[in-house]
Protein backbone atom coordinates (compact mmCIF):
# COMPACT_ATOMS: atom_id res chain seq x y z
CA MET A 1 -19.09 30.29 7.38
CA GLN A 2 -18.53 29.25 3.78
CA ASN A 3 -15.60 27.20 5.02
CA GLN A 4 -17.59 25.44 7.47
CA LEU A 5 -20.31 24.56 4.94
CA MET A 6 -17.81 23.28 2.60
CA SER A 7 -16.31 20.96 5.17
CA VAL A 8 -19.68 19.59 5.96
CA VAL A 9 -20.42 18.88 2.22
CA GLU A 10 -16.93 17.28 1.93
CA GLN A 11 -17.56 15.06 4.91
CA SER A 12 -20.84 13.83 3.40
CA THR A 13 -19.00 12.76 0.02
CA MET A 14 -16.05 11.06 1.59
CA LYS A 15 -15.82 7.29 2.42
CA SER A 16 -15.98 6.46 6.02
CA SER A 17 -12.95 4.13 5.98
CA THR A 18 -10.19 4.07 3.61
CA PRO A 19 -7.08 1.87 3.87
CA LYS A 20 -3.75 3.32 4.85
CA PHE A 21 -1.38 2.92 2.06
CA ASP A 22 1.84 5.14 1.07
CA ILE A 23 3.82 5.82 -2.05
CA GLY A 24 5.65 2.82 -3.13
CA ASP A 25 2.89 0.38 -1.93
CA THR A 26 1.73 -2.33 -4.45
CA VAL A 27 -2.04 -2.14 -4.48
CA ASP A 28 -5.00 -3.77 -5.88
CA VAL A 29 -7.69 -1.13 -6.92
CA HIS A 30 -11.00 -2.88 -7.25
CA VAL A 31 -13.05 -0.72 -9.81
CA ARG A 32 -16.62 -0.97 -10.60
CA ILE A 33 -17.26 -0.95 -14.39
CA LEU A 34 -20.66 -0.42 -15.74
CA GLU A 35 -21.38 -2.01 -19.07
CA GLY A 36 -25.06 -1.57 -19.97
CA ASP A 37 -27.21 -2.66 -17.18
CA LYS A 38 -24.57 -4.90 -15.80
CA GLU A 39 -21.89 -4.06 -13.27
CA ARG A 40 -18.71 -5.99 -12.74
CA ILE A 41 -15.47 -5.37 -10.56
CA GLN A 42 -12.04 -5.01 -12.47
CA VAL A 43 -8.83 -5.25 -10.53
CA PHE A 44 -6.04 -2.80 -11.51
CA ASN A 45 -2.80 -3.80 -9.64
CA GLY A 46 0.41 -1.85 -9.54
CA VAL A 47 2.65 0.59 -7.67
CA VAL A 48 1.49 3.74 -6.18
CA ILE A 49 3.64 6.47 -7.53
CA GLY A 50 2.10 9.42 -6.34
CA ARG A 51 -0.76 10.98 -4.15
CA SER A 52 -2.15 14.65 -4.51
CA GLY A 53 -4.94 16.69 -3.18
CA SER A 54 -6.63 16.48 0.23
CA GLY A 55 -10.19 15.85 1.65
CA SER A 56 -12.64 14.71 -0.87
CA ARG A 57 -10.44 15.72 -3.82
CA GLU A 58 -7.51 13.41 -2.88
CA MET A 59 -6.16 11.33 -5.93
CA PHE A 60 -3.43 8.56 -6.21
CA ILE A 61 -1.66 7.32 -9.32
CA VAL A 62 -1.12 3.60 -9.86
CA ARG A 63 1.39 2.39 -12.41
CA ARG A 64 1.89 -1.14 -13.79
CA ILE A 65 3.62 -2.71 -16.77
CA VAL A 66 1.23 -4.50 -19.29
CA GLN A 67 3.00 -6.53 -22.03
CA GLY A 68 6.18 -4.33 -21.79
CA GLU A 69 4.24 -0.99 -21.81
CA GLY A 70 3.80 1.12 -18.90
CA VAL A 71 0.42 1.98 -17.91
CA GLU A 72 -0.94 4.62 -15.37
CA ARG A 73 -4.23 5.27 -13.96
CA LYS A 74 -5.10 8.09 -11.60
CA PHE A 75 -7.98 7.20 -9.13
CA PRO A 76 -10.02 9.65 -6.88
CA LEU A 77 -9.68 8.08 -3.54
CA HIS A 78 -13.22 8.67 -2.26
CA SER A 79 -14.90 7.75 -5.51
CA PRO A 80 -17.90 5.60 -5.38
CA ARG A 81 -16.57 3.70 -8.35
CA ILE A 82 -13.82 2.32 -6.25
CA ALA A 83 -15.11 -0.70 -4.52
CA ASP A 84 -11.97 -1.60 -2.49
CA ILE A 85 -8.17 -1.02 -2.16
CA VAL A 86 -6.07 -3.92 -1.00
CA VAL A 87 -2.33 -3.19 -0.02
CA LYS A 88 -0.27 -6.13 -1.37
CA ARG A 89 3.18 -5.18 -0.27
CA SER A 90 4.79 -1.93 1.06
CA GLY A 91 7.75 -0.57 -0.85
CA LYS A 92 10.65 1.31 0.81
CA VAL A 93 10.98 4.77 -0.57
CA ARG A 94 12.60 8.08 0.20
CA ARG A 95 10.40 10.26 -2.25
CA ALA A 96 6.93 11.77 -2.47
CA LYS A 97 6.62 11.03 -6.14
CA LEU A 98 8.08 8.16 -8.09
CA TYR A 99 7.93 9.50 -11.53
CA TYR A 100 11.55 8.32 -12.02
CA LEU A 101 10.12 4.75 -12.44
CA ARG A 102 8.71 5.82 -15.93
CA GLN A 103 12.30 5.91 -17.34
CA ARG A 104 13.23 2.53 -15.75
CA SER A 105 12.62 -1.00 -17.23
CA GLY A 106 12.98 -4.58 -16.06
CA LYS A 107 14.47 -5.36 -12.70
CA SER A 108 15.46 -1.63 -11.82
CA VAL A 109 11.67 -0.93 -11.42
CA ARG A 110 11.58 -3.11 -8.39
CA LEU A 111 11.45 -1.47 -4.92
CA LYS A 112 12.69 -2.88 -1.74
CA GLU A 113 10.16 -4.16 0.65
CA ARG A 114 9.36 -2.27 3.84
CA PHE A 115 8.40 -4.44 6.68
CA SER A 116 6.11 -3.22 9.39
CA SER A 117 7.53 -2.49 12.84
CA LEU A 118 5.25 -5.20 14.33
CA ALA A 119 6.70 -7.85 12.21
CA GLY A 120 10.18 -6.71 13.38
CA SER A 121 9.28 -6.78 17.02
CA GLU A 122 7.89 -10.35 16.49
CA ALA A 123 11.17 -11.35 14.87
CA LYS A 124 13.20 -9.88 17.63
CA ALA A 125 11.05 -11.72 20.33
CA ALA A 126 11.54 -15.13 18.39
CA LYS A 127 15.25 -14.55 18.15
CA ALA A 128 15.46 -13.73 21.87
CA GLU A 129 13.42 -16.72 22.73
CA ARG A 130 15.77 -19.06 20.59
CA ARG A 131 18.80 -17.39 22.31
CA ALA A 132 17.29 -18.15 25.76
CA ALA A 133 16.75 -21.86 24.80
CA ARG A 134 20.28 -22.27 23.61
CA ALA A 135 21.46 -20.78 26.71
CA ALA A 136 19.36 -23.12 28.86
CA LYS A 137 20.53 -26.07 26.76
CA LYS A 138 24.27 -25.02 27.22
CA ALA A 139 23.59 -24.78 31.12
CA LYS A 140 22.05 -28.19 31.13
CA ALA A 141 24.92 -29.73 29.22
CA ALA A 142 27.42 -28.00 31.64
CA SER A 143 25.62 -29.27 34.68
CA GLN A 144 25.76 -32.83 33.38
CA VAL A 145 29.51 -32.76 32.99
């Protein structure tokens, strides 16, 4: 009974739609900042180096380099202070936590880019189309001789 009640409470506090992003992705986190009676949105962009928790308590850590110094921020995924999360590029990683990036600097911090399977299938289709056009051109040249 108590677990059912907790799940109902959690569902009410969670956002209805959150973007899908993974560890290693470069994201822009749009954070609402309150200054007196004014509200503005500040963008924090960096690499997601970890995710933790589940449900309404899910958190993610974003790391970026500012003036040669590493800066990390931990954000609650379902916080009302987070206006938007925009995925800029996807990184190809083989770990759940990228804490090893803390010891790296310069070019060694970069991650290889992961391309979506949709883009790969589009590239394969374009390649097959070019191959068919080349074969048709060869056949036409052979028939003229």
